[in-house]
Amino acid sequence: QGTGALFRIRLAGGSAPCIYLSPQDPRPLCHPAIDRALQLSGAGGPPHVKLTVEWDMSTKERLFGNIQEEVVQDAESVRLQQQAHRQQHSCTLDECFQLYTKEEQLAPDDAWRCPHCKVPQQGMVKLSLWTLPDILIIHLKRFRQVAEHRHKLTTLVRFPLRGLDMAPHVAPRGQPGGQLVGRWAPWQPPLRLPPSCPRDYLYDLYAVCNHHGSMQGGHYTAYCCNALDGRWYSYDDSRVEGVREAEVSTRSAYILFYQRRDAVSAGGSVRGEHSPPHAGH
């Protein structure tokens, strides 16, 4: 203090070259150039800017000595931000189905020709689940396509072991005299399912297929619930051992096997059946 300007703070990588902040300002980051740099910051962690501290060499050597490379210890807040960014994003199985059935607008290249105005229109497309089987098999898409390369995703998908409610993801229908199935042409009557068609969409998990490794290769294991004792077991080749329920949901989960609850109460266990879903995920 009292020795004048010891250094200058330069904003690195800004839209304009050589933007300096005032070290004497009690809030040097409150600067329009900082706001612009934050808006232009790309991927790679939280929004951030890069600053360069330019010292007067004689002042620097007098204060710190003639050191070619200084080791600067990061503050604790920097470590916490880096740790938070390294943690993988997690989501719920319910959020996956919400995205799967979300209405999307078609790209301009996929525009359809309106039969009335004869003008190409960017229509909306929406996938819906119409009926569900007794055995519901959910295959998680664990890869991302980047150019010609595929990268495995290890996002933690939190899924329930009991009481998966699929009702919010099934297309609404409630017409009297049965469930409306569809109408393929204006002159055709709507098809209806009988009123006795099961509409209980509560499912319980009974098995999980896990994949360990990369897109180039790996190893498969499984978690299965024993129907006799109700306990979960881990299957790894010839090795079988008990596992806690809290350990069933992992980042390695690849295929989930659910059984409709009312199918068990109505006709016993149907885990040997494989009814294909009318609309899959």
Foldseek 3Di string as FASTA:
>chain_A
DPPPDFWWKFWPPFPDPGDIFDPVDPCRCPDVRNVRQQVVDDDDFHRDTDIDIGGDVVSCCVVPNPDPDDDDDDDPVVVVRVVVVPDAAAEEVVVVLCVQFPKDWADQVPFDQDPPPRDTDGDIDGDAAADFDQKAKAFDDQWDDDPPDIWGHLHFYHYDQFWDACVVRHDDADDPQAGFDDDDDPVDDTDGDGPPPDDGRTKHWAKFWFWDDIPVDTAIKMWGQDPPPRFIWIGGPPDIDGDDPVPRGGSRTGMTIIGRPVCCVPPRDPVVDDDDGPDHD
